[in-house]
Every structure is written in structure tokens, then in C-alpha cells.
Protein backbone atom coordinates (compact mmCIF):
# COMPACT_ATOMS: atom_id res chain seq x y z
CA MET A 1 -64.15 -61.08 -107.85
CA GLU A 2 -65.94 -61.17 -111.09
CA PRO A 3 -67.17 -64.21 -112.80
CA THR A 4 -65.45 -66.31 -115.57
CA THR A 5 -67.38 -66.96 -118.31
CA ASP A 6 -66.52 -70.99 -117.43
CA ASP A 7 -68.20 -69.76 -113.42
CA LEU A 8 -71.45 -68.92 -115.41
CA ASP A 9 -71.57 -72.05 -117.85
CA ASP A 10 -71.32 -73.23 -114.18
CA ILE A 11 -73.87 -71.50 -113.16
CA LEU A 12 -76.50 -72.07 -116.21
CA LYS A 13 -76.05 -76.03 -116.20
CA GLU A 14 -76.54 -75.72 -112.51
CA LEU A 15 -80.05 -73.90 -113.27
CA LEU A 16 -81.28 -76.55 -115.97
CA ALA A 17 -80.26 -79.26 -113.13
CA SER A 18 -82.23 -78.03 -110.47
CA ILE A 19 -85.57 -76.86 -112.21
CA PRO A 20 -85.92 -80.11 -114.67
CA GLU A 21 -88.97 -77.82 -116.45
CA VAL A 22 -86.15 -75.62 -117.68
CA LYS A 23 -84.50 -76.88 -121.02
CA ALA A 24 -82.37 -73.64 -122.47
CA VAL A 25 -81.03 -70.83 -120.74
CA ALA A 26 -78.31 -68.19 -122.18
CA ILE A 27 -77.29 -65.16 -120.49
CA VAL A 28 -76.30 -62.31 -123.34
CA SER A 29 -74.77 -58.79 -123.68
CA SER A 30 -77.77 -56.47 -124.52
CA GLY A 31 -75.80 -55.55 -127.76
CA GLY A 32 -76.81 -59.22 -128.76
CA LEU A 33 -73.49 -60.71 -128.40
CA PRO A 34 -73.44 -63.81 -126.25
CA ILE A 35 -72.07 -64.21 -122.01
CA ALA A 36 -72.69 -67.92 -121.14
CA SER A 37 -74.88 -70.81 -122.21
CA ALA A 38 -76.31 -73.75 -121.84
CA LEU A 39 -78.53 -74.74 -124.85
CA PRO A 40 -79.06 -78.15 -126.13
CA GLN A 41 -77.61 -79.50 -128.97
CA GLY A 42 -77.92 -77.46 -132.85
CA ILE A 43 -79.44 -74.39 -131.50
CA ASP A 44 -77.42 -71.56 -133.04
CA GLU A 45 -76.18 -69.52 -129.49
CA THR A 46 -75.43 -66.42 -131.70
CA ARG A 47 -78.85 -66.10 -133.32
CA ILE A 48 -80.53 -67.10 -129.40
CA ALA A 49 -78.41 -64.00 -128.41
CA ALA A 50 -79.37 -61.62 -131.13
CA MET A 51 -83.14 -62.55 -131.36
CA THR A 52 -82.88 -62.65 -126.99
CA ALA A 53 -81.12 -58.73 -126.88
CA SER A 54 -83.61 -57.54 -129.85
CA LEU A 55 -86.95 -58.49 -127.44
CA HIS A 56 -85.33 -56.59 -124.38
CA SER A 57 -84.89 -53.44 -126.55
CA LEU A 58 -88.40 -53.88 -127.99
CA ALA A 59 -89.51 -54.76 -124.27
CA LYS A 60 -87.53 -51.83 -122.62
CA HIS A 61 -89.00 -49.63 -125.12
CA ALA A 62 -92.13 -50.31 -125.26
CA VAL A 63 -92.10 -49.75 -121.00
CA ILE A 64 -90.51 -46.44 -121.54
CA ALA A 65 -92.92 -45.44 -124.04
CA LEU A 66 -95.88 -46.48 -121.93
CA LYS A 67 -95.01 -44.87 -118.58
CA LYS A 68 -94.33 -48.42 -117.08
CA GLY A 69 -91.47 -47.60 -114.84
CA GLU A 70 -88.16 -49.66 -115.13
CA TYR A 71 -87.95 -52.45 -117.63
CA ASP A 72 -87.30 -55.66 -115.80
CA GLN A 73 -88.47 -59.00 -117.71
CA LEU A 74 -90.74 -60.16 -120.54
CA THR A 75 -92.68 -63.36 -120.07
CA ILE A 76 -93.79 -64.81 -123.80
CA LYS A 77 -95.62 -67.80 -123.80
CA GLY A 78 -96.23 -70.73 -125.96
CA SER A 79 -98.12 -73.44 -126.60
CA SER A 80 -95.31 -75.68 -125.70
CA GLY A 81 -93.96 -73.40 -122.21
CA TYR A 82 -92.28 -69.71 -121.78
CA LEU A 83 -89.45 -67.82 -122.82
CA LEU A 84 -88.31 -65.57 -120.28
CA VAL A 85 -86.50 -62.63 -120.87
CA HIS A 86 -84.71 -61.51 -117.67
CA ARG A 87 -82.69 -58.13 -117.09
CA VAL A 88 -79.38 -58.89 -115.58
CA ASN A 89 -77.95 -55.92 -115.07
CA SER A 90 -77.25 -52.71 -117.48
CA ASN A 91 -75.31 -55.43 -120.04
CA ALA A 92 -76.53 -58.66 -120.10
CA VAL A 93 -79.54 -60.29 -120.54
CA LEU A 94 -81.05 -63.56 -119.08
CA ILE A 95 -83.20 -65.89 -121.45
CA VAL A 96 -84.49 -68.79 -119.87
CA SER A 97 -86.92 -71.51 -122.32
CA THR A 98 -89.38 -73.77 -120.33
CA THR A 99 -90.57 -77.19 -121.15
CA THR A 100 -94.22 -76.83 -120.18
CA GLU A 101 -96.62 -73.85 -118.76
CA ASP A 102 -97.12 -75.31 -115.71
CA VAL A 103 -93.51 -74.63 -114.58
CA LYS A 104 -93.06 -72.90 -111.58
CA LEU A 105 -92.03 -69.22 -112.11
CA ARG A 106 -91.71 -67.96 -108.86
CA ARG A 107 -88.53 -71.04 -108.82
CA ILE A 108 -86.84 -69.92 -111.87
CA PHE A 109 -87.12 -66.07 -110.51
CA PHE A 110 -87.21 -65.58 -107.06
CA ASP A 111 -85.50 -68.65 -105.66
CA PRO A 112 -81.49 -67.70 -104.44
CA TYR A 113 -79.72 -67.49 -107.36
CA PRO A 114 -76.30 -66.85 -107.34
CA GLN A 115 -75.34 -63.57 -107.03
CA ASN A 116 -72.79 -63.75 -109.96
CA TYR A 117 -75.42 -62.54 -112.33
CA SER A 118 -75.06 -59.25 -111.37
CA ASP A 119 -71.89 -58.68 -112.60
CA ALA A 120 -72.67 -60.86 -116.03
CA GLY A 121 -71.78 -58.09 -118.19
CA GLU A 122 -68.38 -57.57 -117.04
CA VAL A 123 -67.29 -60.61 -118.57
């Protein structure tokens, strides 16, 4: 059974609750449209979706141009934490915003994620 947008919203809220360093998370289409999100109040979901898709596209094309195989994820380090852009499937991208440099990146990308993410682009 494919997840609904509400299911994905619940999964993202679970991610926020389980990893305190994670403060914002969204799943967006590769074309830049929001699919599901758990963003702080005042953050424009549509704008985040468009920027995430642009980052994803640029990273994917750079990986291809430099012959680094298949694009998987992009990590951006800022002075107050990380932005992590992760390819979910050919239709969807996950963006995670953390609050500190000390966040355990392994917990975010390698702890058991619900398998529902793989169907995210089908919602």
C-alpha cells in the first residue's frame, strides 16, 4: 500500500521527535513541489521545495559531469548546522535541516527509516 501525504507527514514528525538535532524536514518532488513536510512556522514550504529540487538537480548533474556514479546525497555545512539533501527515488528528494555541527549524520541517514520513503514520489 502506498503511503498518503498524511502518512508521510507523520513519519517526518516522528523523525523530528526521535532526533532532537533535526529541526526541519521535507519530502519534495524532483520538479520542486512539496509532497510532505514538518517545517517550523514561518518557513515557506513551496520555496523550500523549489530550492531543494534545484540543489538536487545541480548536485546530480555535477556528479554526472565528474563521472562519480549515481547521485545519492548532498551535504551542506553552515555555521549553525547542516542541510542534507538526499535522493529518495527518481521522483522525490528528502531535505533535513539540523541545528548543530555535532549531529550524528549516521542516525539521520542510516537508522532504520520506514520503507515508505521509497514510495514518496507516488503520493
